[in-house]
Amino acid sequence: MFVRKVRVEYDNAGVPAPVPLKWLDNFSMRSFTNDQIFDDTLPVADGVMEIGLRVPMELLEDRLTDWFRRKGYLGATSKLRLTELQKLLS
Protein backbone atom coordinates (compact mmCIF):
# COMPACT_ATOMS: atom_id res chain seq x y z
CA MET A 1 0.00 0.00 0.00
CA PHE A 2 2.73 2.53 0.91
CA VAL A 3 4.85 2.36 -2.23
CA ARG A 4 6.18 5.94 -2.43
CA LYS A 5 8.47 7.74 -0.03
CA VAL A 6 8.02 11.52 0.17
CA ARG A 7 10.12 14.22 1.83
CA VAL A 8 8.00 16.98 3.42
CA GLU A 9 9.75 20.26 4.22
CA TYR A 10 8.58 23.71 5.26
CA ASP A 11 10.11 27.16 5.08
CA ASN A 12 11.55 27.92 8.52
CA ALA A 13 12.70 31.56 8.35
CA GLY A 14 14.02 31.05 4.84
CA VAL A 15 15.67 27.70 5.56
CA PRO A 16 14.05 24.40 4.45
CA ALA A 17 13.38 22.19 7.48
CA PRO A 18 11.78 18.75 7.80
CA VAL A 19 8.18 18.86 8.99
CA PRO A 20 8.11 17.37 12.51
CA LEU A 21 6.72 13.86 12.83
CA LYS A 22 4.15 15.19 15.32
CA TRP A 23 2.62 17.40 12.60
CA LEU A 24 2.53 14.57 10.08
CA ASP A 25 0.96 12.18 12.62
CA ASN A 26 -1.67 14.76 13.44
CA PHE A 27 -2.62 15.16 9.78
CA SER A 28 -2.69 11.43 9.01
CA MET A 29 -5.33 10.58 11.59
CA ARG A 30 -8.51 9.86 9.59
CA SER A 31 -10.71 11.47 12.21
CA PHE A 32 -9.08 14.79 11.31
CA THR A 33 -8.82 14.57 7.52
CA ASN A 34 -12.18 12.86 7.02
CA ASP A 35 -10.92 11.88 3.57
CA GLN A 36 -10.49 8.22 2.67
CA ILE A 37 -7.68 8.88 0.19
CA PHE A 38 -5.37 9.94 3.02
CA ASP A 39 -5.70 6.52 4.67
CA ASP A 40 -2.80 5.68 2.34
CA THR A 41 -0.36 7.96 4.20
CA LEU A 42 2.09 6.81 6.84
CA PRO A 43 4.38 9.25 8.67
CA VAL A 44 7.68 7.48 9.36
CA ALA A 45 10.08 10.19 10.59
CA ASP A 46 10.55 13.95 10.72
CA GLY A 47 10.00 15.13 7.16
CA VAL A 48 9.26 11.65 5.72
CA MET A 49 5.99 9.99 4.75
CA GLU A 50 5.22 6.84 2.84
CA ILE A 51 2.15 7.11 0.63
CA GLY A 52 0.13 4.96 -1.72
CA LEU A 53 -0.11 5.30 -5.48
CA ARG A 54 -3.62 6.75 -5.33
CA VAL A 55 -2.54 9.78 -3.24
CA PRO A 56 -2.06 12.77 -5.58
CA MET A 57 1.01 14.79 -4.56
CA GLU A 58 -0.61 18.17 -5.34
CA LEU A 59 -3.70 17.36 -3.29
CA LEU A 60 -1.57 16.08 -0.42
CA GLU A 61 0.49 19.28 -0.46
CA ASP A 62 -2.65 21.45 -0.51
CA ARG A 63 -4.32 19.54 2.32
CA LEU A 64 -1.16 19.42 4.45
CA THR A 65 -0.68 23.17 3.99
CA ASP A 66 -4.29 23.91 4.90
CA TRP A 67 -4.22 21.63 7.96
CA PHE A 68 -0.90 22.97 9.25
CA ARG A 69 -2.11 26.56 8.90
CA ARG A 70 -5.37 25.81 10.71
CA LYS A 71 -3.43 24.13 13.54
CA GLY A 72 -1.05 27.12 13.76
CA TYR A 73 2.00 25.04 12.81
CA LEU A 74 2.63 26.94 9.58
CA GLY A 75 2.57 30.70 9.09
CA ALA A 76 0.44 32.41 6.46
CA THR A 77 3.40 33.00 4.16
CA SER A 78 5.32 29.79 4.84
CA LYS A 79 5.27 27.15 2.14
CA LEU A 80 5.54 23.38 2.12
CA ARG A 81 7.59 21.42 -0.37
CA LEU A 82 6.93 17.76 -1.09
CA THR A 83 9.51 15.75 -2.98
CA GLU A 84 9.05 12.14 -4.02
CA LEU A 85 12.21 10.32 -2.95
CA GLN A 86 11.54 6.87 -4.35
CA LYS A 87 9.00 4.27 -5.29
CA LEU A 88 9.42 1.36 -2.92
CA LEU A 89 8.19 -1.23 -5.44
CA SER A 90 9.63 -1.72 -8.90
PDB file of N, CA and C in Angstrom:
ATOM      1  N   MET A   1       0.815  -1.184   0.000  1.00  0.00           N
ATOM      2  CA  MET A   1       0.000   0.000   0.000  1.00  0.00           C
ATOM      3  C   MET A   1       0.868   1.261   0.000  1.00  0.00           C
ATOM      4  N   PHE A   2       1.890   1.337   0.814  1.00  0.00           N
ATOM      5  CA  PHE A   2       2.733   2.529   0.907  1.00  0.00           C
ATOM      6  C   PHE A   2       3.958   2.333   0.018  1.00  0.00           C
ATOM      7  N   VAL A   3       3.815   2.681  -1.256  1.00  0.00           N
ATOM      8  CA  VAL A   3       4.854   2.363  -2.234  1.00  0.00           C
ATOM      9  C   VAL A   3       5.702   3.569  -2.636  1.00  0.00           C
ATOM     10  N   ARG A   4       5.389   4.741  -2.106  1.00  0.00           N
ATOM     11  CA  ARG A   4       6.179   5.939  -2.430  1.00  0.00           C
ATOM     12  C   ARG A   4       6.662   6.586  -1.148  1.00  0.00           C
ATOM     13  N   LYS A   5       7.903   7.027  -1.172  1.00  0.00           N
ATOM     14  CA  LYS A   5       8.473   7.740  -0.030  1.00  0.00           C
ATOM     15  C   LYS A   5       8.583   9.212  -0.417  1.00  0.00           C
ATOM     16  N   VAL A   6       8.092  10.095   0.468  1.00  0.00           N
ATOM     17  CA  VAL A   6       8.020  11.523   0.175  1.00  0.00           C
ATOM     18  C   VAL A   6       8.704  12.315   1.286  1.00  0.00           C
ATOM     19  N   ARG A   7       9.524  13.275   0.875  1.00  0.00           N
ATOM     20  CA  ARG A   7      10.116  14.219   1.834  1.00  0.00           C
ATOM     21  C   ARG A   7       9.162  15.403   1.940  1.00  0.00           C
ATOM     22  N   VAL A   8       8.896  15.852   3.174  1.00  0.00           N
ATOM     23  CA  VAL A   8       7.999  16.981   3.420  1.00  0.00           C
ATOM     24  C   VAL A   8       8.778  18.022   4.220  1.00  0.00           C
ATOM     25  N   GLU A   9       8.983  19.177   3.589  1.00  0.00           N
ATOM     26  CA  GLU A   9       9.746  20.256   4.224  1.00  0.00           C
ATOM     27  C   GLU A   9       8.897  21.527   4.261  1.00  0.00           C
ATOM     28  N   TYR A  10       9.240  22.405   5.189  1.00  0.00           N
ATOM     29  CA  TYR A  10       8.582  23.706   5.262  1.00  0.00           C
ATOM     30  C   TYR A  10       9.639  24.794   5.349  1.00  0.00           C
ATOM     31  N   ASP A  11       9.229  26.003   5.028  1.00  0.00           N
ATOM     32  CA  ASP A  11      10.114  27.158   5.076  1.00  0.00           C
ATOM     33  C   ASP A  11      10.189  27.647   6.520  1.00  0.00           C
ATOM     34  N   ASN A  12      11.335  27.495   7.144  1.00  0.00           N
ATOM     35  CA  ASN A  12      11.550  27.917   8.520  1.00  0.00           C
ATOM     36  C   ASN A  12      12.491  29.115   8.506  1.00  0.00           C
ATOM     37  N   ALA A  13      11.921  30.315   8.416  1.00  0.00           N
ATOM     38  CA  ALA A  13      12.701  31.563   8.351  1.00  0.00           C
ATOM     39  C   ALA A  13      13.682  31.531   7.181  1.00  0.00           C
ATOM     40  N   GLY A  14      13.209  31.066   6.039  1.00  0.00           N
ATOM     41  CA  GLY A  14      14.022  31.051   4.836  1.00  0.00           C
ATOM     42  C   GLY A  14      14.888  29.824   4.656  1.00  0.00           C
ATOM     43  N   VAL A  15      14.853  28.918   5.622  1.00  0.00           N
ATOM     44  CA  VAL A  15      15.668  27.699   5.556  1.00  0.00           C
ATOM     45  C   VAL A  15      14.732  26.487   5.498  1.00  0.00           C
ATOM     46  N   PRO A  16      14.894  25.614   4.493  1.00  0.00           N
ATOM     47  CA  PRO A  16      14.054  24.403   4.451  1.00  0.00           C
ATOM     48  C   PRO A  16      14.327  23.509   5.661  1.00  0.00           C
ATOM     49  N   ALA A  17      13.250  23.055   6.303  1.00  0.00           N
ATOM     50  CA  ALA A  17      13.380  22.187   7.477  1.00  0.00           C
ATOM     51  C   ALA A  17      12.379  21.045   7.347  1.00  0.00           C
ATOM     52  N   PRO A  18      12.730  19.862   7.855  1.00  0.00           N
ATOM     53  CA  PRO A  18      11.778  18.752   7.800  1.00  0.00           C
ATOM     54  C   PRO A  18      10.569  19.044   8.692  1.00  0.00           C
ATOM     55  N   VAL A  19       9.392  18.715   8.189  1.00  0.00           N
ATOM     56  CA  VAL A  19       8.175  18.856   8.986  1.00  0.00           C
ATOM     57  C   VAL A  19       8.261  17.855  10.138  1.00  0.00           C
ATOM     58  N   PRO A  20       8.034  18.298  11.374  1.00  0.00           N
ATOM     59  CA  PRO A  20       8.109  17.372  12.508  1.00  0.00           C
ATOM     60  C   PRO A  20       7.124  16.209  12.388  1.00  0.00           C
ATOM     61  N   LEU A  21       7.550  15.059  12.852  1.00  0.00           N
ATOM     62  CA  LEU A  21       6.719  13.860  12.826  1.00  0.00           C
ATOM     63  C   LEU A  21       5.385  14.114  13.526  1.00  0.00           C
ATOM     64  N   LYS A  22       5.382  14.873  14.584  1.00  0.00           N
ATOM     65  CA  LYS A  22       4.154  15.186  15.315  1.00  0.00           C
ATOM     66  C   LYS A  22       3.115  15.838  14.400  1.00  0.00           C
ATOM     67  N   TRP A  23       3.544  16.747  13.536  1.00  0.00           N
ATOM     68  CA  TRP A  23       2.625  17.403  12.605  1.00  0.00           C
ATOM     69  C   TRP A  23       2.057  16.386  11.613  1.00  0.00           C
ATOM     70  N   LEU A  24       2.957  15.555  11.071  1.00  0.00           N
ATOM     71  CA  LEU A  24       2.534  14.565  10.083  1.00  0.00           C
ATOM     72  C   LEU A  24       1.572  13.559  10.699  1.00  0.00           C
ATOM     73  N   ASP A  25       1.854  13.109  11.917  1.00  0.00           N
ATOM     74  CA  ASP A  25       0.961  12.185  12.620  1.00  0.00           C
ATOM     75  C   ASP A  25      -0.415  12.812  12.802  1.00  0.00           C
ATOM     76  N   ASN A  26      -0.423  14.063  13.195  1.00  0.00           N
ATOM     77  CA  ASN A  26      -1.669  14.764  13.444  1.00  0.00           C
ATOM     78  C   ASN A  26      -2.516  14.815  12.176  1.00  0.00           C
ATOM     79  N   PHE A  27      -1.900  15.097  11.036  1.00  0.00           N
ATOM     80  CA  PHE A  27      -2.622  15.156   9.776  1.00  0.00           C
ATOM     81  C   PHE A  27      -3.148  13.784   9.363  1.00  0.00           C
ATOM     82  N   SER A  28      -2.365  12.759   9.548  1.00  0.00           N
ATOM     83  CA  SER A  28      -2.690  11.434   9.006  1.00  0.00           C
ATOM     84  C   SER A  28      -3.801  10.710   9.747  1.00  0.00           C
ATOM     85  N   MET A  29      -4.243  11.226  10.856  1.00  0.00           N
ATOM     86  CA  MET A  29      -5.328  10.579  11.586  1.00  0.00           C
ATOM     87  C   MET A  29      -6.635  10.809  10.833  1.00  0.00           C
ATOM     88  N   ARG A  30      -7.301   9.774  10.425  1.00  0.00           N
ATOM     89  CA  ARG A  30      -8.508   9.860   9.588  1.00  0.00           C
ATOM     90  C   ARG A  30      -9.586  10.722  10.234  1.00  0.00           C
ATOM     91  N   SER A  31      -9.662  10.699  11.553  1.00  0.00           N
ATOM     92  CA  SER A  31     -10.707  11.472  12.211  1.00  0.00           C
ATOM     93  C   SER A  31     -10.543  12.972  11.952  1.00  0.00           C
ATOM     94  N   PHE A  32      -9.317  13.375  11.606  1.00  0.00           N
ATOM     95  CA  PHE A  32      -9.079  14.793  11.313  1.00  0.00           C
ATOM     96  C   PHE A  32      -9.290  15.090   9.834  1.00  0.00           C
ATOM     97  N   THR A  33      -8.744  14.266   8.945  1.00  0.00           N
ATOM     98  CA  THR A  33      -8.819  14.574   7.519  1.00  0.00           C
ATOM     99  C   THR A  33     -10.195  14.268   6.951  1.00  0.00           C
ATOM    100  N   ASN A  34     -10.864  13.249   7.500  1.00  0.00           N
ATOM    101  CA  ASN A  34     -12.184  12.861   7.020  1.00  0.00           C
ATOM    102  C   ASN A  34     -12.183  12.528   5.532  1.00  0.00           C
ATOM    103  N   ASP A  35     -11.027  12.176   5.002  1.00  0.00           N
ATOM    104  CA  ASP A  35     -10.915  11.884   3.572  1.00  0.00           C
ATOM    105  C   ASP A  35     -10.236  10.534   3.410  1.00  0.00           C
ATOM    106  N   GLN A  36     -10.950   9.600   2.821  1.00  0.00           N
ATOM    107  CA  GLN A  36     -10.492   8.224   2.673  1.00  0.00           C
ATOM    108  C   GLN A  36      -9.163   8.104   1.932  1.00  0.00           C
ATOM    109  N   ILE A  37      -8.906   8.977   0.987  1.00  0.00           N
ATOM    110  CA  ILE A  37      -7.679   8.876   0.188  1.00  0.00           C
ATOM    111  C   ILE A  37      -6.426   9.011   1.050  1.00  0.00           C
ATOM    112  N   PHE A  38      -6.537   9.739   2.158  1.00  0.00           N
ATOM    113  CA  PHE A  38      -5.370   9.937   3.015  1.00  0.00           C
ATOM    114  C   PHE A  38      -5.146   8.795   4.002  1.00  0.00           C
ATOM    115  N   ASP A  39      -5.982   7.744   3.911  1.00  0.00           N
ATOM    116  CA  ASP A  39      -5.703   6.523   4.667  1.00  0.00           C
ATOM    117  C   ASP A  39      -4.403   5.898   4.165  1.00  0.00           C
ATOM    118  N   ASP A  40      -4.024   6.217   2.941  1.00  0.00           N
ATOM    119  CA  ASP A  40      -2.797   5.683   2.336  1.00  0.00           C
ATOM    120  C   ASP A  40      -1.594   6.581   2.606  1.00  0.00           C
ATOM    121  N   THR A  41      -1.532   7.172   3.789  1.00  0.00           N
ATOM    122  CA  THR A  41      -0.362   7.962   4.196  1.00  0.00           C
ATOM    123  C   THR A  41       0.158   7.417   5.516  1.00  0.00           C
ATOM    124  N   LEU A  42       1.464   7.331   5.626  1.00  0.00           N
ATOM    125  CA  LEU A  42       2.086   6.810   6.839  1.00  0.00           C
ATOM    126  C   LEU A  42       3.302   7.671   7.185  1.00  0.00           C
ATOM    127  N   PRO A  43       3.211   8.501   8.224  1.00  0.00           N
ATOM    128  CA  PRO A  43       4.377   9.254   8.669  1.00  0.00           C
ATOM    129  C   PRO A  43       5.406   8.283   9.261  1.00  0.00           C
ATOM    130  N   VAL A  44       6.671   8.408   8.860  1.00  0.00           N
ATOM    131  CA  VAL A  44       7.684   7.480   9.363  1.00  0.00           C
ATOM    132  C   VAL A  44       8.816   8.169  10.117  1.00  0.00           C
ATOM    133  N   ALA A  45       9.009   9.456   9.904  1.00  0.00           N
ATOM    134  CA  ALA A  45      10.080  10.193  10.586  1.00  0.00           C
ATOM    135  C   ALA A  45       9.855  11.681  10.339  1.00  0.00           C
ATOM    136  N   ASP A  46      10.620  12.517  11.008  1.00  0.00           N
ATOM    137  CA  ASP A  46      10.555  13.946  10.716  1.00  0.00           C
ATOM    138  C   ASP A  46      10.795  14.143   9.220  1.00  0.00           C
ATOM    139  N   GLY A  47       9.844  14.793   8.567  1.00  0.00           N
ATOM    140  CA  GLY A  47       9.997  15.125   7.161  1.00  0.00           C
ATOM    141  C   GLY A  47       9.850  13.973   6.184  1.00  0.00           C
ATOM    142  N   VAL A  48       9.380  12.807   6.630  1.00  0.00           N
ATOM    143  CA  VAL A  48       9.265  11.655   5.718  1.00  0.00           C
ATOM    144  C   VAL A  48       7.914  10.960   5.910  1.00  0.00           C
ATOM    145  N   MET A  49       7.241  10.756   4.768  1.00  0.00           N
ATOM    146  CA  MET A  49       5.995   9.993   4.746  1.00  0.00           C
ATOM    147  C   MET A  49       6.113   8.924   3.680  1.00  0.00           C
ATOM    148  N   GLU A  50       5.424   7.822   3.889  1.00  0.00           N
ATOM    149  CA  GLU A  50       5.218   6.842   2.836  1.00  0.00           C
ATOM    150  C   GLU A  50       3.757   6.961   2.439  1.00  0.00           C
ATOM    151  N   ILE A  51       3.512   6.933   1.124  1.00  0.00           N
ATOM    152  CA  ILE A  51       2.152   7.115   0.626  1.00  0.00           C
ATOM    153  C   ILE A  51       1.850   6.094  -0.460  1.00  0.00           C
ATOM    154  N   GLY A  52       0.573   5.868  -0.684  1.00  0.00           N
ATOM    155  CA  GLY A  52       0.135   4.956  -1.723  1.00  0.00           C
ATOM    156  C   GLY A  52       0.085   5.620  -3.086  1.00  0.00           C
ATOM    157  N   LEU A  53      -0.072   4.808  -4.105  1.00  0.00           N
ATOM    158  CA  LEU A  53      -0.114   5.301  -5.483  1.00  0.00           C
ATOM    159  C   LEU A  53      -1.319   6.193  -5.754  1.00  0.00           C
ATOM    160  N   ARG A  54      -2.416   5.982  -5.050  1.00  0.00           N
ATOM    161  CA  ARG A  54      -3.618   6.753  -5.334  1.00  0.00           C
ATOM    162  C   ARG A  54      -3.630   8.132  -4.670  1.00  0.00           C
ATOM    163  N   VAL A  55      -2.605   8.466  -3.900  1.00  0.00           N
ATOM    164  CA  VAL A  55      -2.539   9.779  -3.239  1.00  0.00           C
ATOM    165  C   VAL A  55      -1.886  10.779  -4.191  1.00  0.00           C
ATOM    166  N   PRO A  56      -2.643  11.768  -4.689  1.00  0.00           N
ATOM    167  CA  PRO A  56      -2.062  12.768  -5.580  1.00  0.00           C
ATOM    168  C   PRO A  56      -1.171  13.738  -4.794  1.00  0.00           C
ATOM    169  N   MET A  57       0.050  13.935  -5.265  1.00  0.00           N
ATOM    170  CA  MET A  57       1.009  14.793  -4.562  1.00  0.00           C
ATOM    171  C   MET A  57       0.479  16.221  -4.391  1.00  0.00           C
ATOM    172  N   GLU A  58      -0.113  16.790  -5.437  1.00  0.00           N
ATOM    173  CA  GLU A  58      -0.610  18.171  -5.345  1.00  0.00           C
ATOM    174  C   GLU A  58      -1.714  18.300  -4.296  1.00  0.00           C
ATOM    175  N   LEU A  59      -2.631  17.334  -4.272  1.00  0.00           N
ATOM    176  CA  LEU A  59      -3.702  17.365  -3.287  1.00  0.00           C
ATOM    177  C   LEU A  59      -3.148  17.184  -1.883  1.00  0.00           C
ATOM    178  N   LEU A  60      -2.197  16.289  -1.718  1.00  0.00           N
ATOM    179  CA  LEU A  60      -1.567  16.080  -0.420  1.00  0.00           C
ATOM    180  C   LEU A  60      -0.900  17.365   0.056  1.00  0.00           C
ATOM    181  N   GLU A  61      -0.168  18.021  -0.824  1.00  0.00           N
ATOM    182  CA  GLU A  61       0.493  19.280  -0.457  1.00  0.00           C
ATOM    183  C   GLU A  61      -0.535  20.343  -0.061  1.00  0.00           C
ATOM    184  N   ASP A  62      -1.600  20.463  -0.832  1.00  0.00           N
ATOM    185  CA  ASP A  62      -2.650  21.446  -0.514  1.00  0.00           C
ATOM    186  C   ASP A  62      -3.295  21.158   0.836  1.00  0.00           C
ATOM    187  N   ARG A  63      -3.645  19.897   1.067  1.00  0.00           N
ATOM    188  CA  ARG A  63      -4.324  19.537   2.319  1.00  0.00           C
ATOM    189  C   ARG A  63      -3.397  19.654   3.524  1.00  0.00           C
ATOM    190  N   LEU A  64      -2.127  19.253   3.355  1.00  0.00           N
ATOM    191  CA  LEU A  64      -1.161  19.419   4.447  1.00  0.00           C
ATOM    192  C   LEU A  64      -1.005  20.894   4.791  1.00  0.00           C
ATOM    193  N   THR A  65      -0.844  21.735   3.772  1.00  0.00           N
ATOM    194  CA  THR A  65      -0.678  23.174   3.993  1.00  0.00           C
ATOM    195  C   THR A  65      -1.881  23.741   4.734  1.00  0.00           C
ATOM    196  N   ASP A  66      -3.074  23.415   4.259  1.00  0.00           N
ATOM    197  CA  ASP A  66      -4.294  23.910   4.899  1.00  0.00           C
ATOM    198  C   ASP A  66      -4.378  23.458   6.357  1.00  0.00           C
ATOM    199  N   TRP A  67      -4.126  22.177   6.597  1.00  0.00           N
ATOM    200  CA  TRP A  67      -4.224  21.633   7.957  1.00  0.00           C
ATOM    201  C   TRP A  67      -3.188  22.277   8.879  1.00  0.00           C
ATOM    202  N   PHE A  68      -1.945  22.394   8.415  1.00  0.00           N
ATOM    203  CA  PHE A  68      -0.895  22.967   9.252  1.00  0.00           C
ATOM    204  C   PHE A  68      -1.167  24.432   9.569  1.00  0.00           C
ATOM    205  N   ARG A  69      -1.757  25.156   8.633  1.00  0.00           N
ATOM    206  CA  ARG A  69      -2.110  26.556   8.901  1.00  0.00           C
ATOM    207  C   ARG A  69      -3.249  26.642   9.913  1.00  0.00           C
ATOM    208  N   ARG A  70      -4.257  25.791   9.755  1.00  0.00           N
ATOM    209  CA  ARG A  70      -5.373  25.811  10.708  1.00  0.00           C
ATOM    210  C   ARG A  70      -4.923  25.433  12.117  1.00  0.00           C
ATOM    211  N   LYS A  71      -3.949  24.551  12.231  1.00  0.00           N
ATOM    212  CA  LYS A  71      -3.428  24.134  13.535  1.00  0.00           C
ATOM    213  C   LYS A  71      -2.437  25.149  14.109  1.00  0.00           C
ATOM    214  N   GLY A  72      -2.006  26.118  13.292  1.00  0.00           N
ATOM    215  CA  GLY A  72      -1.047  27.119  13.761  1.00  0.00           C
ATOM    216  C   GLY A  72       0.400  26.667  13.648  1.00  0.00           C
ATOM    217  N   TYR A  73       0.637  25.537  12.983  1.00  0.00           N
ATOM    218  CA  TYR A  73       2.002  25.035  12.809  1.00  0.00           C
ATOM    219  C   TYR A  73       2.755  25.826  11.741  1.00  0.00           C
ATOM    220  N   LEU A  74       2.033  26.320  10.746  1.00  0.00           N
ATOM    221  CA  LEU A  74       2.635  26.939   9.575  1.00  0.00           C
ATOM    222  C   LEU A  74       2.081  28.352   9.432  1.00  0.00           C
ATOM    223  N   GLY A  75       2.990  29.314   9.261  1.00  0.00           N
ATOM    224  CA  GLY A  75       2.570  30.700   9.094  1.00  0.00           C
ATOM    225  C   GLY A  75       1.887  30.936   7.758  1.00  0.00           C
ATOM    226  N   ALA A  76       1.221  32.078   7.657  1.00  0.00           N
ATOM    227  CA  ALA A  76       0.440  32.413   6.457  1.00  0.00           C
ATOM    228  C   ALA A  76       1.295  32.502   5.202  1.00  0.00           C
ATOM    229  N   THR A  77       2.555  32.865   5.342  1.00  0.00           N
ATOM    230  CA  THR A  77       3.404  33.004   4.157  1.00  0.00           C
ATOM    231  C   THR A  77       4.368  31.839   3.977  1.00  0.00           C
ATOM    232  N   SER A  78       4.431  30.951   4.947  1.00  0.00           N
ATOM    233  CA  SER A  78       5.320  29.789   4.836  1.00  0.00           C
ATOM    234  C   SER A  78       4.767  28.806   3.822  1.00  0.00           C
ATOM    235  N   LYS A  79       5.662  28.114   3.160  1.00  0.00           N
ATOM    236  CA  LYS A  79       5.268  27.147   2.137  1.00  0.00           C
ATOM    237  C   LYS A  79       5.816  25.769   2.476  1.00  0.00           C
ATOM    238  N   LEU A  80       5.077  24.762   2.026  1.00  0.00           N
ATOM    239  CA  LEU A  80       5.539  23.378   2.117  1.00  0.00           C
ATOM    240  C   LEU A  80       6.150  22.984   0.789  1.00  0.00           C
ATOM    241  N   ARG A  81       7.043  22.011   0.857  1.00  0.00           N
ATOM    242  CA  ARG A  81       7.594  21.423  -0.368  1.00  0.00           C
ATOM    243  C   ARG A  81       7.603  19.912  -0.182  1.00  0.00           C
ATOM    244  N   LEU A  82       6.947  19.214  -1.097  1.00  0.00           N
ATOM    245  CA  LEU A  82       6.930  17.759  -1.091  1.00  0.00           C
ATOM    246  C   LEU A  82       7.769  17.268  -2.254  1.00  0.00           C
ATOM    247  N   THR A  83       8.644  16.319  -1.961  1.00  0.00           N
ATOM    248  CA  THR A  83       9.515  15.750  -2.980  1.00  0.00           C
ATOM    249  C   THR A  83       9.422  14.233  -2.896  1.00  0.00           C
ATOM    250  N   GLU A  84       9.082  13.596  -4.018  1.00  0.00           N
ATOM    251  CA  GLU A  84       9.050  12.144  -4.024  1.00  0.00           C
ATOM    252  C   GLU A  84      10.474  11.627  -4.064  1.00  0.00           C
ATOM    253  N   LEU A  85      10.855  10.838  -3.057  1.00  0.00           N
ATOM    254  CA  LEU A  85      12.214  10.321  -2.950  1.00  0.00           C
ATOM    255  C   LEU A  85      12.405   9.052  -3.750  1.00  0.00           C
ATOM    256  N   GLN A  86      11.410   8.145  -3.640  1.00  0.00           N
ATOM    257  CA  GLN A  86      11.544   6.869  -4.351  1.00  0.00           C
ATOM    258  C   GLN A  86      10.219   6.122  -4.357  1.00  0.00           C
ATOM    259  N   LYS A  87      10.095   5.237  -5.310  1.00  0.00           N
ATOM    260  CA  LYS A  87       8.998   4.273  -5.294  1.00  0.00           C
ATOM    261  C   LYS A  87       9.583   3.007  -4.663  1.00  0.00           C
ATOM    262  N   LEU A  88       8.888   2.484  -3.687  1.00  0.00           N
ATOM    263  CA  LEU A  88       9.422   1.359  -2.924  1.00  0.00           C
ATOM    264  C   LEU A  88       9.233   0.025  -3.633  1.00  0.00           C
ATOM    265  N   LEU A  89       8.367  -0.026  -4.635  1.00  0.00           N
ATOM    266  CA  LEU A  89       8.193  -1.232  -5.442  1.00  0.00           C
ATOM    267  C   LEU A  89       8.675  -0.944  -6.850  1.00  0.00           C
ATOM    268  N   SER A  90       9.214  -1.938  -7.517  1.00  0.00           N
ATOM    269  CA  SER A  90       9.632  -1.717  -8.896  1.00  0.00           C
ATOM    270  C   SER A  90       8.699  -2.366  -9.877  1.00  0.00           C
TER     271      SER A  90
END
